[in-house]
Amino acid sequence: KVDPNRVYVWGIGEGARLALTAACAPGKPEFAAVGVVGQFDPEPGPTCQDRVPEGRAPEASWDRKVSETLWKFSSGHRLGA
């Protein structure tokens, strides 16, 4: 069973930009949190921390540590809380 209040979106590289775009879309928020992975200059946008909490992992690749970091950040957030 999926809890619709605990849906998170994470992305790496251009996927991080897409995750932010999806999470920051106009209208009712669809995600409880967004995770961004990558080393960016400048930081990817859009940003909408006033609507959706953002966690960032400044890593060049995705590994178990990144997954654990994002899960630790995301798991405490619920949509609408």
N, C-alpha and C. Protein backbone atom coordinates (compact mmCIF):
# COMPACT_ATOMS: atom_id res chain seq x y z
N LYS A 1 0.85 -1.17 0.00
CA LYS A 1 0.00 0.00 0.00
C LYS A 1 0.90 1.24 0.00
N VAL A 2 0.59 2.20 -0.83
CA VAL A 2 1.35 3.44 -0.94
C VAL A 2 0.63 4.54 -0.16
N ASP A 3 1.39 5.21 0.71
CA ASP A 3 0.85 6.36 1.44
C ASP A 3 1.02 7.59 0.55
N PRO A 4 -0.05 8.16 0.01
CA PRO A 4 0.07 9.29 -0.92
C PRO A 4 0.64 10.55 -0.26
N ASN A 5 0.73 10.58 1.05
CA ASN A 5 1.32 11.72 1.75
C ASN A 5 2.82 11.58 1.95
N ARG A 6 3.38 10.45 1.50
CA ARG A 6 4.81 10.22 1.66
C ARG A 6 5.43 9.83 0.31
N VAL A 7 5.16 10.60 -0.71
CA VAL A 7 5.75 10.38 -2.04
C VAL A 7 6.87 11.39 -2.21
N TYR A 8 8.07 10.89 -2.49
CA TYR A 8 9.26 11.72 -2.64
C TYR A 8 9.78 11.61 -4.06
N VAL A 9 10.45 12.64 -4.53
CA VAL A 9 11.08 12.61 -5.85
C VAL A 9 12.54 12.98 -5.66
N TRP A 10 13.43 12.18 -6.23
CA TRP A 10 14.87 12.42 -6.16
C TRP A 10 15.42 12.38 -7.58
N GLY A 11 16.50 13.08 -7.82
CA GLY A 11 17.13 13.04 -9.14
C GLY A 11 18.60 13.39 -9.06
N ILE A 12 19.36 12.92 -10.04
CA ILE A 12 20.79 13.21 -10.14
C ILE A 12 21.06 13.90 -11.47
N GLY A 13 21.94 14.88 -11.46
CA GLY A 13 22.29 15.60 -12.69
C GLY A 13 21.08 16.31 -13.27
N GLU A 14 20.85 16.10 -14.56
CA GLU A 14 19.68 16.72 -15.19
C GLU A 14 18.38 16.18 -14.60
N GLY A 15 18.43 14.96 -14.09
CA GLY A 15 17.27 14.41 -13.38
C GLY A 15 16.95 15.20 -12.12
N ALA A 16 17.98 15.80 -11.51
CA ALA A 16 17.77 16.66 -10.35
C ALA A 16 16.99 17.91 -10.75
N ARG A 17 17.36 18.47 -11.89
CA ARG A 17 16.62 19.64 -12.38
C ARG A 17 15.16 19.26 -12.68
N LEU A 18 14.96 18.10 -13.27
CA LEU A 18 13.61 17.64 -13.57
C LEU A 18 12.82 17.38 -12.28
N ALA A 19 13.48 16.81 -11.27
CA ALA A 19 12.81 16.58 -9.99
C ALA A 19 12.36 17.90 -9.37
N LEU A 20 13.23 18.91 -9.42
CA LEU A 20 12.86 20.23 -8.89
C LEU A 20 11.72 20.84 -9.70
N THR A 21 11.78 20.71 -11.01
CA THR A 21 10.71 21.24 -11.86
C THR A 21 9.38 20.59 -11.53
N ALA A 22 9.38 19.26 -11.34
CA ALA A 22 8.15 18.54 -11.01
C ALA A 22 7.64 18.94 -9.62
N ALA A 23 8.55 19.02 -8.66
CA ALA A 23 8.15 19.34 -7.28
C ALA A 23 7.66 20.78 -7.15
N CYS A 24 8.21 21.68 -7.96
CA CYS A 24 7.89 23.11 -7.84
C CYS A 24 6.80 23.56 -8.81
N ALA A 25 6.19 22.62 -9.51
CA ALA A 25 5.15 22.98 -10.48
C ALA A 25 4.01 23.72 -9.79
N PRO A 26 3.37 24.64 -10.52
CA PRO A 26 2.23 25.36 -9.94
C PRO A 26 1.11 24.40 -9.55
N GLY A 27 0.30 24.84 -8.64
CA GLY A 27 -0.83 24.03 -8.20
C GLY A 27 -0.54 23.34 -6.88
N LYS A 28 -1.38 22.40 -6.56
CA LYS A 28 -1.26 21.66 -5.31
C LYS A 28 0.02 20.84 -5.31
N PRO A 29 0.84 20.91 -4.23
CA PRO A 29 2.06 20.09 -4.17
C PRO A 29 1.73 18.60 -4.28
N GLU A 30 2.56 17.88 -5.03
CA GLU A 30 2.36 16.45 -5.24
C GLU A 30 3.38 15.60 -4.48
N PHE A 31 4.46 16.23 -4.00
CA PHE A 31 5.54 15.49 -3.35
C PHE A 31 5.78 16.02 -1.95
N ALA A 32 6.10 15.12 -1.02
CA ALA A 32 6.38 15.51 0.36
C ALA A 32 7.78 16.09 0.50
N ALA A 33 8.70 15.70 -0.41
CA ALA A 33 10.08 16.21 -0.36
C ALA A 33 10.74 15.93 -1.70
N VAL A 34 11.80 16.71 -1.99
CA VAL A 34 12.57 16.52 -3.21
C VAL A 34 14.04 16.39 -2.84
N GLY A 35 14.73 15.42 -3.45
CA GLY A 35 16.15 15.22 -3.22
C GLY A 35 16.94 15.50 -4.48
N VAL A 36 18.03 16.25 -4.34
CA VAL A 36 18.85 16.66 -5.48
C VAL A 36 20.26 16.12 -5.27
N VAL A 37 20.78 15.41 -6.28
CA VAL A 37 22.12 14.84 -6.20
C VAL A 37 22.96 15.39 -7.33
N GLY A 38 24.13 15.89 -7.00
CA GLY A 38 25.05 16.36 -8.03
C GLY A 38 25.89 17.52 -7.55
N GLN A 39 26.91 17.81 -8.34
CA GLN A 39 27.79 18.94 -8.06
C GLN A 39 27.49 19.99 -9.11
N PHE A 40 26.81 21.06 -8.71
CA PHE A 40 26.31 22.05 -9.65
C PHE A 40 26.96 23.40 -9.44
N ASP A 41 27.16 24.10 -10.53
CA ASP A 41 27.59 25.50 -10.51
C ASP A 41 27.00 26.17 -11.73
N PRO A 42 25.93 26.90 -11.63
CA PRO A 42 25.18 27.26 -10.42
C PRO A 42 24.26 26.13 -9.98
N GLU A 43 23.71 26.30 -8.79
CA GLU A 43 22.76 25.32 -8.27
C GLU A 43 21.56 25.22 -9.20
N PRO A 44 20.99 24.01 -9.34
CA PRO A 44 19.83 23.85 -10.22
C PRO A 44 18.60 24.53 -9.66
N GLY A 45 17.72 24.90 -10.52
CA GLY A 45 16.46 25.52 -10.13
C GLY A 45 15.36 24.86 -10.91
N PRO A 46 14.15 25.19 -10.70
CA PRO A 46 13.69 26.19 -9.74
C PRO A 46 13.84 25.68 -8.32
N THR A 47 13.67 26.56 -7.38
CA THR A 47 13.68 26.17 -5.98
C THR A 47 12.36 26.62 -5.35
N CYS A 48 11.85 25.81 -4.46
CA CYS A 48 10.55 26.13 -3.85
C CYS A 48 10.51 25.61 -2.42
N GLN A 49 11.55 25.85 -1.66
CA GLN A 49 11.62 25.33 -0.29
C GLN A 49 10.48 25.81 0.59
N ASP A 50 9.83 26.89 0.21
CA ASP A 50 8.67 27.35 0.98
C ASP A 50 7.47 26.42 0.79
N ARG A 51 7.48 25.59 -0.26
CA ARG A 51 6.38 24.65 -0.54
C ARG A 51 6.78 23.20 -0.34
N VAL A 52 8.01 22.85 -0.73
CA VAL A 52 8.48 21.46 -0.70
C VAL A 52 9.89 21.43 -0.12
N PRO A 53 10.13 20.71 0.98
CA PRO A 53 11.47 20.63 1.54
C PRO A 53 12.46 20.02 0.53
N GLU A 54 13.66 20.60 0.46
CA GLU A 54 14.68 20.12 -0.47
C GLU A 54 15.88 19.61 0.30
N GLY A 55 16.32 18.41 -0.06
CA GLY A 55 17.55 17.86 0.48
C GLY A 55 18.56 17.77 -0.65
N ARG A 56 19.82 18.05 -0.34
CA ARG A 56 20.85 18.03 -1.39
C ARG A 56 22.01 17.15 -0.97
N ALA A 57 22.51 16.37 -1.91
CA ALA A 57 23.69 15.54 -1.71
C ALA A 57 24.70 15.93 -2.80
N PRO A 58 25.78 16.64 -2.43
CA PRO A 58 26.74 17.13 -3.43
C PRO A 58 27.72 16.04 -3.87
N GLU A 59 27.21 14.98 -4.46
CA GLU A 59 28.03 13.85 -4.91
C GLU A 59 28.03 13.77 -6.42
N ALA A 60 29.09 13.20 -6.98
CA ALA A 60 29.20 13.07 -8.43
C ALA A 60 28.51 11.81 -8.94
N SER A 61 28.26 10.85 -8.07
CA SER A 61 27.59 9.62 -8.48
C SER A 61 26.66 9.17 -7.36
N TRP A 62 25.77 8.26 -7.72
CA TRP A 62 24.78 7.77 -6.77
C TRP A 62 25.27 6.45 -6.20
N ASP A 63 25.28 6.35 -4.88
CA ASP A 63 25.65 5.10 -4.23
C ASP A 63 24.76 4.91 -3.00
N ARG A 64 25.05 3.88 -2.25
CA ARG A 64 24.24 3.56 -1.07
C ARG A 64 24.21 4.73 -0.08
N LYS A 65 25.35 5.39 0.10
CA LYS A 65 25.44 6.53 1.03
C LYS A 65 24.47 7.64 0.62
N VAL A 66 24.40 7.94 -0.68
CA VAL A 66 23.48 8.97 -1.18
C VAL A 66 22.04 8.55 -0.90
N SER A 67 21.70 7.31 -1.20
CA SER A 67 20.34 6.83 -0.94
C SER A 67 19.99 6.94 0.54
N GLU A 68 20.93 6.55 1.42
CA GLU A 68 20.68 6.64 2.85
C GLU A 68 20.52 8.09 3.30
N THR A 69 21.34 8.99 2.76
CA THR A 69 21.25 10.41 3.10
C THR A 69 19.89 10.98 2.69
N LEU A 70 19.46 10.69 1.46
CA LEU A 70 18.18 11.21 0.98
C LEU A 70 17.00 10.58 1.73
N TRP A 71 17.11 9.29 2.04
CA TRP A 71 16.02 8.65 2.77
C TRP A 71 15.91 9.25 4.17
N LYS A 72 17.06 9.47 4.83
CA LYS A 72 17.04 10.06 6.17
C LYS A 72 16.39 11.44 6.13
N PHE A 73 16.72 12.23 5.11
CA PHE A 73 16.11 13.56 4.96
C PHE A 73 14.62 13.45 4.65
N SER A 74 14.25 12.65 3.67
CA SER A 74 12.88 12.60 3.16
C SER A 74 11.89 11.94 4.11
N SER A 75 12.30 10.87 4.76
CA SER A 75 11.35 10.04 5.50
C SER A 75 10.59 10.77 6.60
N GLY A 76 11.11 11.88 7.08
CA GLY A 76 10.40 12.63 8.11
C GLY A 76 9.36 13.59 7.58
N HIS A 77 9.27 13.73 6.28
CA HIS A 77 8.34 14.70 5.68
C HIS A 77 7.07 14.01 5.17
N ARG A 78 5.96 14.68 5.37
CA ARG A 78 4.67 14.21 4.86
C ARG A 78 4.01 15.36 4.13
N LEU A 79 3.33 15.07 3.06
CA LEU A 79 2.61 16.07 2.28
C LEU A 79 1.55 16.72 3.17
N GLY A 80 1.54 18.04 3.16
CA GLY A 80 0.56 18.78 3.93
C GLY A 80 0.86 18.91 5.41
N ALA A 81 2.03 18.42 5.83
CA ALA A 81 2.37 18.50 7.27
C ALA A 81 3.33 19.64 7.53
